[in-house]
Amino acid sequence: MNHDRTLLSFQGMADWIEGLRDVDDEIWIKPTATEKWSIAEILSHLMFWDRYLISDVLPSVVKGQEVSFPAFDSYNQRAADYVRSGLSKTELIEEAILVRDRLVLELLEMPADLRNKHVLVNGDAHCPRTAVPYTLSYLVHEFYEHDQHHKAQIEHFLNELIQPK
């Protein structure tokens, strides 16, 4: 896992988000599948996690404290509710790009040794899925993978609209 390349790819997500401006407004709020979020809700979800990294994770790492993540379901619901509050597509895209750019800038300004320092995450020293020791760089890689999952989900949805089965 090349952390610098992951960070650059993580930054590149802002360009992909910019490309979502072309999505029709009706499609923007349509669920991507049965009982799934819309593109708008997914983007808000990604942005909320970027905000959490900025407000909670980075300061914890800088202070040498344990990283704590909130209960995922309730936090994700807040992101969905936020976009349902009347936020326009343009407003959400601009905010998501600003937040991602700020997160990447803060990560780039952080010394590499701090990004690669071992941290506890919700009481665990290692990722239970991969057994890799937790570091901020590892967490960023995990969030990058999370981005890619949702990016593929959105692209599949959009491609199905263009070329239905």
Protein backbone atom coordinates (compact mmCIF):
# COMPACT_ATOMS: atom_id res chain seq x y z
CA MET A 1 0.00 0.00 0.00
CA ASN A 2 1.67 3.22 -1.19
CA HIS A 3 0.36 5.89 1.18
CA ASP A 4 1.43 8.86 -0.97
CA ARG A 5 -0.31 7.42 -4.03
CA THR A 6 -3.41 6.69 -1.93
CA LEU A 7 -3.43 10.28 -0.69
CA LEU A 8 -3.20 11.62 -4.25
CA SER A 9 -6.00 9.30 -5.35
CA PHE A 10 -8.00 10.39 -2.31
CA GLN A 11 -7.51 13.98 -3.45
CA GLY A 12 -8.59 13.07 -6.99
CA MET A 13 -12.05 12.20 -5.73
CA ALA A 14 -12.84 15.94 -5.75
CA ASP A 15 -12.51 15.95 -9.55
CA TRP A 16 -14.89 13.02 -9.81
CA ILE A 17 -17.38 14.79 -7.52
CA GLU A 18 -17.16 17.86 -9.79
CA GLY A 19 -18.28 15.65 -12.68
CA LEU A 20 -21.53 14.87 -10.86
CA ARG A 21 -22.80 18.37 -11.70
CA ASP A 22 -24.01 16.93 -15.02
CA VAL A 23 -26.37 14.45 -13.35
CA ASP A 24 -30.02 15.31 -13.96
CA ASP A 25 -31.76 16.64 -10.84
CA GLU A 26 -34.37 13.85 -10.84
CA ILE A 27 -31.67 11.18 -11.05
CA TRP A 28 -29.68 12.99 -8.33
CA ILE A 29 -32.35 12.20 -5.72
CA LYS A 30 -33.48 8.79 -7.05
CA PRO A 31 -32.39 5.74 -5.00
CA THR A 32 -29.51 3.94 -6.71
CA ALA A 33 -31.24 0.60 -6.01
CA THR A 34 -34.10 -0.75 -3.92
CA GLU A 35 -33.67 0.46 -0.33
CA LYS A 36 -30.40 2.23 -1.21
CA TRP A 37 -29.41 5.87 -1.02
CA SER A 38 -29.55 8.40 -3.83
CA ILE A 39 -26.43 9.93 -5.34
CA ALA A 40 -27.07 13.00 -3.19
CA GLU A 41 -27.26 10.94 0.00
CA ILE A 42 -24.11 8.99 -0.89
CA LEU A 43 -22.18 12.19 -1.54
CA SER A 44 -23.38 13.68 1.74
CA HIS A 45 -22.32 10.45 3.47
CA LEU A 46 -18.80 10.73 2.04
CA MET A 47 -18.61 14.40 3.00
CA PHE A 48 -19.75 13.73 6.56
CA TRP A 49 -16.96 11.18 7.02
CA ASP A 50 -14.45 13.67 5.60
CA ARG A 51 -15.70 16.20 8.16
CA TYR A 52 -15.34 13.63 10.92
CA LEU A 53 -11.77 12.93 9.91
CA ILE A 54 -11.03 16.68 10.07
CA SER A 55 -12.87 17.41 13.32
CA ASP A 56 -12.11 14.29 15.35
CA VAL A 57 -9.62 11.86 13.84
CA LEU A 58 -6.81 14.25 12.85
CA PRO A 59 -6.82 16.09 16.20
CA SER A 60 -6.78 12.76 18.06
CA VAL A 61 -3.76 11.59 16.07
CA VAL A 62 -1.93 14.89 16.59
CA LYS A 63 -2.56 14.70 20.36
CA GLY A 64 -1.51 11.03 20.50
CA GLN A 65 -4.98 10.01 21.63
CA GLU A 66 -7.13 7.06 20.67
CA VAL A 67 -9.26 7.50 17.55
CA SER A 68 -12.95 6.91 18.22
CA PHE A 69 -15.55 6.48 15.54
CA PRO A 70 -19.24 7.04 16.25
CA ALA A 71 -21.95 4.45 15.71
CA PHE A 72 -22.00 4.17 11.92
CA ASP A 73 -25.74 3.82 11.36
CA SER A 74 -26.78 6.91 13.30
CA TYR A 75 -23.91 8.97 11.87
CA ASN A 76 -24.77 7.90 8.34
CA GLN A 77 -28.41 8.79 8.97
CA ARG A 78 -27.36 12.32 9.92
CA ALA A 79 -25.64 12.60 6.52
CA ALA A 80 -28.76 11.43 4.69
CA ASP A 81 -30.95 13.80 6.72
CA TYR A 82 -28.61 16.69 5.97
CA VAL A 83 -29.04 16.39 2.23
CA ARG A 84 -32.79 15.86 2.56
CA SER A 85 -33.04 19.21 4.39
CA GLY A 86 -33.27 21.07 1.09
CA LEU A 87 -29.61 21.39 0.12
CA SER A 88 -29.26 21.88 -3.62
CA LYS A 89 -27.09 19.69 -5.82
CA THR A 90 -24.75 22.62 -6.49
CA GLU A 91 -24.44 23.44 -2.78
CA LEU A 92 -23.70 19.84 -1.85
CA ILE A 93 -21.11 19.37 -4.60
CA GLU A 94 -19.33 22.61 -3.71
CA GLU A 95 -19.35 21.80 0.00
CA ALA A 96 -18.15 18.22 -0.56
CA ILE A 97 -15.26 19.44 -2.72
CA LEU A 98 -14.27 22.12 -0.18
CA VAL A 99 -14.32 19.61 2.67
CA ARG A 100 -12.30 17.01 0.71
CA ASP A 101 -9.76 19.64 -0.35
CA ARG A 102 -9.40 20.81 3.25
CA LEU A 103 -8.95 17.25 4.48
CA VAL A 104 -6.28 16.49 1.89
CA LEU A 105 -4.46 19.74 2.66
CA GLU A 106 -4.41 18.95 6.37
CA LEU A 107 -3.15 15.44 5.65
CA LEU A 108 -0.42 16.75 3.34
CA GLU A 109 0.69 19.28 5.94
CA MET A 110 0.97 16.59 8.59
CA PRO A 111 4.45 15.05 8.97
CA ALA A 112 4.72 11.58 7.41
CA ASP A 113 5.94 10.09 10.68
CA LEU A 114 2.74 11.26 12.39
CA ARG A 115 0.58 9.85 9.57
CA ASN A 116 2.41 6.53 9.98
CA LYS A 117 2.43 6.41 13.79
CA HIS A 118 0.47 3.53 15.33
CA VAL A 119 -2.86 4.53 16.86
CA LEU A 120 -5.68 2.82 18.71
CA VAL A 121 -9.03 2.89 16.93
CA ASN A 122 -12.06 2.23 19.13
CA GLY A 123 -9.76 0.27 21.44
CA ASP A 124 -8.12 -1.83 18.71
CA ALA A 125 -4.46 -1.62 17.69
CA HIS A 126 -5.03 -3.58 14.48
CA CYS A 127 -7.77 -3.67 11.88
CA PRO A 128 -9.92 -6.70 12.74
CA ARG A 129 -10.50 -7.39 9.03
CA THR A 130 -6.88 -7.25 7.82
CA ALA A 131 -4.79 -7.49 11.04
CA VAL A 132 -2.80 -4.46 9.79
CA PRO A 133 -1.72 -2.06 12.58
CA TYR A 134 -3.79 1.10 12.62
CA THR A 135 -2.15 4.33 11.47
CA LEU A 136 -3.67 7.46 10.04
CA SER A 137 -2.29 6.45 6.63
CA TYR A 138 -4.04 3.11 6.95
CA LEU A 139 -7.31 4.82 7.87
CA VAL A 140 -7.00 7.13 4.86
CA HIS A 141 -6.48 4.07 2.67
CA GLU A 142 -9.59 2.48 4.16
CA PHE A 143 -11.59 5.65 3.46
CA TYR A 144 -10.20 5.69 -0.08
CA GLU A 145 -11.49 2.13 -0.54
CA HIS A 146 -14.82 3.27 0.89
CA ASP A 147 -14.89 6.10 -1.68
CA GLN A 148 -14.20 3.63 -4.46
CA HIS A 149 -17.06 1.40 -3.33
CA HIS A 150 -19.53 4.29 -3.49
CA LYS A 151 -18.05 5.66 -6.72
CA ALA A 152 -18.58 2.26 -8.37
CA GLN A 153 -22.11 2.10 -6.95
CA ILE A 154 -22.97 5.50 -8.47
CA GLU A 155 -21.30 4.74 -11.79
CA HIS A 156 -23.12 1.42 -12.06
CA PHE A 157 -26.43 3.17 -11.35
CA LEU A 158 -25.75 5.85 -13.98
CA ASN A 159 -24.63 3.27 -16.55
CA GLU A 160 -27.78 1.23 -15.96
CA LEU A 161 -29.86 4.32 -16.75
CA ILE A 162 -27.99 4.82 -20.01
CA GLN A 163 -27.88 1.14 -21.04
CA PRO A 164 -30.57 -0.79 -19.14
CA LYS A 165 -30.40 -4.60 -19.18
